[in-house]
Protein backbone atom coordinates (compact mmCIF):
# COMPACT_ATOMS: atom_id res chain seq x y z
CA MET A 1 109.78 88.13 124.31
CA ARG A 2 106.62 86.24 123.43
CA ALA A 3 106.57 87.86 120.00
CA GLY A 4 110.07 86.58 119.27
CA ILE A 5 109.20 83.09 120.42
CA SER A 6 106.01 82.96 118.41
CA ARG A 7 107.87 84.21 115.32
CA HIS A 8 110.82 81.82 115.53
CA TRP A 9 109.56 78.67 117.23
CA LEU A 10 109.57 76.60 114.03
CA ALA A 11 113.18 77.55 113.35
CA GLY A 12 114.06 76.62 116.93
CA LEU A 13 112.33 73.28 116.59
CA THR A 14 114.17 72.61 113.34
CA ALA A 15 117.47 73.43 115.06
CA VAL A 16 116.62 70.99 117.89
CA LEU A 17 115.98 68.28 115.29
CA GLY A 18 119.38 69.08 113.78
CA VAL A 19 121.03 68.71 117.19
CA LEU A 20 119.31 65.33 117.59
CA TYR A 21 120.78 64.33 114.24
CA ILE A 22 124.24 65.37 115.46
CA LEU A 23 123.84 63.30 118.64
CA LEU A 24 122.61 60.26 116.72
CA GLY A 25 125.48 60.65 114.28
CA ALA A 26 127.99 60.76 117.14
CA ALA A 27 126.49 57.55 118.53
CA ALA A 28 126.46 55.78 115.15
CA GLY A 29 130.12 56.18 114.23
CA GLY A 30 131.67 55.38 110.87
CA LEU A 31 130.31 56.74 107.60
CA ALA A 32 126.76 56.86 108.92
CA GLY A 33 127.94 58.87 111.91
CA ALA A 34 129.83 61.33 109.75
CA LEU A 35 126.77 61.83 107.55
CA GLY A 36 124.58 62.25 110.64
CA ILE A 37 126.84 64.90 112.12
CA ALA A 38 127.24 66.74 108.80
CA GLY A 39 123.52 66.51 108.11
CA GLY A 40 122.67 67.80 111.57
CA LEU A 41 125.00 70.75 111.10
CA LEU A 42 123.35 71.57 107.77
CA ILE A 43 119.89 71.41 109.35
CA VAL A 44 120.97 73.76 112.14
CA ILE A 45 122.57 76.15 109.63
CA VAL A 46 119.42 76.21 107.50
CA ALA A 47 117.28 76.86 110.58
CA ALA A 48 119.53 79.73 111.67
CA ALA A 49 119.97 81.33 108.25
CA ALA A 50 116.57 80.68 106.64
CA ARG A 51 115.78 84.38 106.28
CA ARG A 52 119.09 85.06 104.52
CA LEU A 53 118.98 82.08 102.15
CA PRO A 54 117.08 81.96 98.87
CA PRO A 55 114.20 79.49 99.29
CA LEU A 56 115.53 77.04 96.71
CA ALA A 57 119.00 76.98 98.27
CA GLY A 58 117.54 76.55 101.75
CA ALA A 59 115.37 73.66 100.58
CA ALA A 60 118.31 72.01 98.80
CA LEU A 61 120.54 72.28 101.89
CA LEU A 62 117.74 70.94 104.07
CA VAL A 63 117.25 67.89 101.82
CA LEU A 64 121.00 67.36 101.59
CA GLY A 65 121.24 67.41 105.38
CA ALA A 66 118.20 65.28 106.19
CA VAL A 67 118.09 62.53 103.57
CA PRO A 68 121.42 60.58 103.52
CA PHE A 69 121.57 59.57 107.20
CA PRO A 70 118.28 57.60 107.31
CA PHE A 71 119.32 55.59 104.24
CA LEU A 72 122.45 54.38 106.02
CA THR A 73 120.51 53.65 109.21
CA TRP A 74 117.47 52.12 107.53
CA TRP A 75 116.87 49.62 110.35
CA SER A 76 116.13 52.40 112.82
CA LEU A 77 112.73 54.01 113.26
CA VAL A 78 114.07 57.19 114.83
CA THR A 79 116.31 58.54 112.08
CA PRO A 80 113.68 58.42 109.30
CA LEU A 81 111.15 60.01 111.66
CA ILE A 82 113.52 62.85 112.50
CA ALA A 83 114.29 63.28 108.78
CA VAL A 84 110.59 63.55 107.92
CA LEU A 85 110.00 66.03 110.76
CA ALA A 86 113.07 68.09 109.79
CA LEU A 87 111.92 68.23 106.17
CA ALA A 88 108.33 69.11 107.05
CA ILE A 89 109.07 71.70 109.73
CA GLY A 90 112.26 73.00 108.11
CA GLY A 91 110.42 73.36 104.81
CA ARG A 92 107.96 75.70 106.49
CA VAL A 93 110.86 77.64 107.99
CA VAL A 94 112.55 78.01 104.60
CA ALA A 95 109.31 78.99 102.86
CA GLY A 96 108.16 81.28 105.68
CA GLY A 97 111.42 83.18 105.90
CA HIS A 98 110.71 85.02 102.67
CA ARG A 99 107.20 86.34 103.10
CA PRO A 100 106.92 89.86 101.77
CA ALA A 101 106.33 92.54 104.35
CA ALA A 102 102.78 93.78 104.66
CA ARG A 103 102.15 96.85 102.58
CA PRO A 104 100.81 99.90 104.36
CA GLY A 105 97.09 100.27 103.97
CA ARG A 106 96.37 96.54 103.86
CA GLY A 107 94.94 95.20 107.06
CA THR A 108 95.89 98.28 109.06
CA LEU A 109 93.78 100.94 110.58
CA PRO A 110 93.89 104.41 109.05
CA THR A 111 96.39 106.68 110.69
CA SER A 112 94.80 110.01 109.80
CA SER A 113 92.44 111.71 112.20
CA PRO A 114 88.76 111.92 111.27
CA ARG A 115 87.61 114.95 109.34
CA PRO A 116 86.24 117.70 111.49
CA THR A 117 82.52 118.16 111.25
CA GLY A 118 81.02 121.55 110.42
CA GLN A 119 80.92 123.94 113.34
CA GLY A 120 77.80 125.97 113.90
């Protein structure tokens, strides 16, 4: 269980930031609220599907979800802060979801048994 948490904690944190966006959007109402809710949904979707999205598409969806809401709520300190955090942490999630798998023989111990020494 710890391995799963340590592997996916940035994606989980990005999803929590998306949920905060949804809650702030529901509280804002109007056009700003609609953009907050839609942006929060996009952030959650990117966090959940980062491994299946091409990096450029994931980054574009993340920016599209995070950027419009703070511009309509410019007087607030919270929405730009959440946007910056979502872009910074979500960017690592999008970039980290496509690391190539380690090739055998690099950084691993040899799997063959040692050669037998001469007997007698």
